[in-house]
C-alpha atoms as a PDB file:
ATOM      1  CA  MET A   1      15.593 -51.521   9.809  1.00  0.00           C
ATOM      2  CA  HIS A   2      14.196 -54.303   7.453  1.00  0.00           C
ATOM      3  CA  MET A   3      16.135 -54.951   4.415  1.00  0.00           C
ATOM      4  CA  GLU A   4      13.587 -53.322   2.256  1.00  0.00           C
ATOM      5  CA  ASP A   5      13.924 -50.080   3.900  1.00  0.00           C
ATOM      6  CA  ARG A   6      17.709 -49.959   2.892  1.00  0.00           C
ATOM      7  CA  ASP A   7      18.653 -47.016   0.507  1.00  0.00           C
ATOM      8  CA  LEU A   8      19.518 -48.187  -3.052  1.00  0.00           C
ATOM      9  CA  GLY A   9      21.190 -46.135  -5.934  1.00  0.00           C
ATOM     10  CA  ILE A  10      19.849 -46.849  -9.045  1.00  0.00           C
ATOM     11  CA  ASN A  11      20.407 -45.367 -12.286  1.00  0.00           C
ATOM     12  CA  LEU A  12      17.045 -44.844 -14.472  1.00  0.00           C
ATOM     13  CA  ILE A  13      17.258 -43.917 -18.272  1.00  0.00           C
ATOM     14  CA  ILE A  14      14.397 -41.740 -19.288  1.00  0.00           C
ATOM     15  CA  ASP A  15      14.454 -40.017 -22.953  1.00  0.00           C
ATOM     16  CA  GLY A  16      18.156 -41.194 -23.340  1.00  0.00           C
ATOM     17  CA  ILE A  17      19.289 -39.116 -20.155  1.00  0.00           C
ATOM     18  CA  SER A  18      20.707 -40.970 -17.120  1.00  0.00           C
ATOM     19  CA  TYR A  19      18.909 -40.088 -13.860  1.00  0.00           C
ATOM     20  CA  PRO A  20      20.992 -41.571 -10.790  1.00  0.00           C
ATOM     21  CA  LEU A  21      18.704 -41.587  -7.747  1.00  0.00           C
ATOM     22  CA  THR A  22      18.843 -43.096  -4.121  1.00  0.00           C
ATOM     23  CA  VAL A  23      15.364 -44.907  -3.301  1.00  0.00           C
ATOM     24  CA  LYS A  24      14.061 -47.414  -0.703  1.00  0.00           C
ATOM     25  CA  ALA A  25      14.778 -50.598  -2.043  1.00  0.00           C
ATOM     26  CA  SER A  26      11.189 -51.395  -1.667  1.00  0.00           C
ATOM     27  CA  GLU A  27      10.009 -48.828  -3.912  1.00  0.00           C
ATOM     28  CA  GLU A  28      12.945 -49.425  -6.842  1.00  0.00           C
ATOM     29  CA  PRO A  29      10.289 -51.631  -8.750  1.00  0.00           C
ATOM     30  CA  TYR A  30       7.716 -48.435  -8.571  1.00  0.00           C
ATOM     31  CA  TYR A  31      10.567 -46.245 -10.115  1.00  0.00           C
ATOM     32  CA  ARG A  32      11.558 -48.719 -13.128  1.00  0.00           C
ATOM     33  CA  GLN A  33       7.879 -48.959 -13.802  1.00  0.00           C
ATOM     34  CA  ALA A  34       7.562 -45.462 -13.723  1.00  0.00           C
ATOM     35  CA  ALA A  35      10.341 -44.745 -16.042  1.00  0.00           C
ATOM     36  CA  ARG A  36       9.435 -47.376 -18.441  1.00  0.00           C
ATOM     37  CA  MET A  37       5.946 -45.922 -18.687  1.00  0.00           C
ATOM     38  CA  VAL A  38       7.380 -42.370 -19.139  1.00  0.00           C
ATOM     39  CA  ASN A  39       9.898 -43.475 -21.895  1.00  0.00           C
ATOM     40  CA  GLU A  40       6.618 -45.469 -23.560  1.00  0.00           C
ATOM     41  CA  LYS A  41       4.408 -42.299 -23.304  1.00  0.00           C
ATOM     42  CA  LEU A  42       7.319 -40.416 -24.844  1.00  0.00           C
ATOM     43  CA  SER A  43       7.397 -42.681 -27.746  1.00  0.00           C
ATOM     44  CA  LEU A  44       4.043 -42.640 -28.475  1.00  0.00           C
ATOM     45  CA  TYR A  45       3.922 -38.736 -28.505  1.00  0.00           C
ATOM     46  CA  LYS A  46       6.924 -38.515 -30.353  1.00  0.00           C
ATOM     47  CA  GLU A  47       5.308 -40.641 -33.054  1.00  0.00           C
ATOM     48  CA  LEU A  48       2.273 -38.181 -32.634  1.00  0.00           C
ATOM     49  CA  PHE A  49       4.028 -35.173 -32.979  1.00  0.00           C
ATOM     50  CA  GLY A  50       7.255 -35.406 -34.108  1.00  0.00           C
ATOM     51  CA  SER A  51      10.539 -35.994 -32.224  1.00  0.00           C
ATOM     52  CA  GLN A  52      11.661 -32.322 -33.128  1.00  0.00           C
ATOM     53  CA  ASP A  53       8.888 -30.656 -30.668  1.00  0.00           C
ATOM     54  CA  GLY A  54      10.823 -31.945 -27.713  1.00  0.00           C
ATOM     55  CA  VAL A  55       8.369 -29.686 -25.294  1.00  0.00           C
ATOM     56  CA  ARG A  56       5.420 -30.486 -26.822  1.00  0.00           C
ATOM     57  CA  VAL A  57       5.824 -34.295 -26.349  1.00  0.00           C
ATOM     58  CA  THR A  58       7.250 -34.135 -23.000  1.00  0.00           C
ATOM     59  CA  ILE A  59       4.127 -32.058 -21.965  1.00  0.00           C
ATOM     60  CA  MET A  60       1.494 -34.404 -23.623  1.00  0.00           C
ATOM     61  CA  ALA A  61       3.377 -37.414 -22.060  1.00  0.00           C
ATOM     62  CA  ALA A  62       3.230 -35.760 -18.296  1.00  0.00           C
ATOM     63  CA  LEU A  63      -0.222 -34.891 -19.038  1.00  0.00           C
ATOM     64  CA  ASP A  64      -1.496 -38.414 -20.066  1.00  0.00           C
ATOM     65  CA  ILE A  65       0.342 -39.885 -17.209  1.00  0.00           C
ATOM     66  CA  ALA A  66      -0.882 -37.607 -14.680  1.00  0.00           C
ATOM     67  CA  PHE A  67      -4.414 -37.745 -16.110  1.00  0.00           C
ATOM     68  CA  ASN A  68      -4.366 -41.896 -15.881  1.00  0.00           C
ATOM     69  CA  SER A  69      -3.178 -41.668 -12.260  1.00  0.00           C
ATOM     70  CA  VAL A  70      -5.714 -38.939 -11.039  1.00  0.00           C
ATOM     71  CA  ARG A  71      -8.705 -40.857 -13.031  1.00  0.00           C
ATOM     72  CA  SER A  72      -7.665 -43.991 -10.961  1.00  0.00           C
ATOM     73  CA  THR A  73      -7.153 -42.877  -7.669  1.00  0.00           C
ATOM     74  CA  ASP A  74      -9.785 -42.221  -5.175  1.00  0.00           C
ATOM     75  CA  GLU A  75      -9.815 -39.486  -2.556  1.00  0.00           C
ATOM     76  CA  ALA A  76      -7.828 -41.346  -0.025  1.00  0.00           C
ATOM     77  CA  GLY A  77      -4.958 -41.840  -2.294  1.00  0.00           C
ATOM     78  CA  SER A  78      -4.819 -38.261  -3.742  1.00  0.00           C
ATOM     79  CA  ALA A  79      -2.223 -36.852  -1.666  1.00  0.00           C
ATOM     80  CA  GLU A  80       0.147 -40.216  -3.052  1.00  0.00           C
ATOM     81  CA  VAL A  81      -0.764 -39.209  -6.589  1.00  0.00           C
ATOM     82  CA  MET A  82       0.178 -35.337  -6.217  1.00  0.00           C
ATOM     83  CA  ARG A  83       3.422 -36.330  -4.502  1.00  0.00           C
ATOM     84  CA  LYS A  84       4.036 -38.618  -7.704  1.00  0.00           C
ATOM     85  CA  ILE A  85       2.637 -35.886  -9.997  1.00  0.00           C
ATOM     86  CA  LYS A  86       5.237 -33.503  -8.357  1.00  0.00           C
ATOM     87  CA  GLU A  87       8.047 -35.994  -8.828  1.00  0.00           C
ATOM     88  CA  LEU A  88       7.369 -36.403 -12.482  1.00  0.00           C
ATOM     89  CA  ALA A  89       7.157 -32.733 -13.077  1.00  0.00           C
ATOM     90  CA  TYR A  90      10.616 -32.384 -11.544  1.00  0.00           C
ATOM     91  CA  LEU A  91      11.721 -35.054 -13.685  1.00  0.00           C
ATOM     92  CA  VAL A  92       9.986 -33.108 -16.810  1.00  0.00           C
ATOM     93  CA  ASP A  93      11.726 -29.744 -15.862  1.00  0.00           C
ATOM     94  CA  SER A  94      14.933 -31.527 -15.313  1.00  0.00           C
ATOM     95  CA  THR A  95      14.830 -33.160 -18.707  1.00  0.00           C
ATOM     96  CA  LEU A  96      13.764 -29.669 -20.373  1.00  0.00           C
ATOM     97  CA  GLU A  97      16.459 -27.843 -18.627  1.00  0.00           C
ATOM     98  CA  THR A  98      19.453 -30.586 -19.612  1.00  0.00           C
ATOM     99  CA  LYS A  99      18.204 -30.245 -23.189  1.00  0.00           C
ATOM    100  CA  LYS A 100      18.363 -26.319 -23.742  1.00  0.00           C
END
């Protein structure tokens, strides 16, 4: 097993909520970048819609990220994009459930 393939415990903060994850060490930078992107989009849409409209903010941030991912990916990468969208949808659903 390569050192890059080892499992790594990380903690991501998304919208002020801690998400402990176990990821492949080689994928850690991508998860951190994705968390930063989600937080940036959430901040943007909180400014546009107001922070009181949490569901709308979360949905618009998810849509923005998904749209940009789909647009920039060719057909060969579409399965990977769908996997990432499903992961993002899971995080969004988890966030919404936590905030109820």
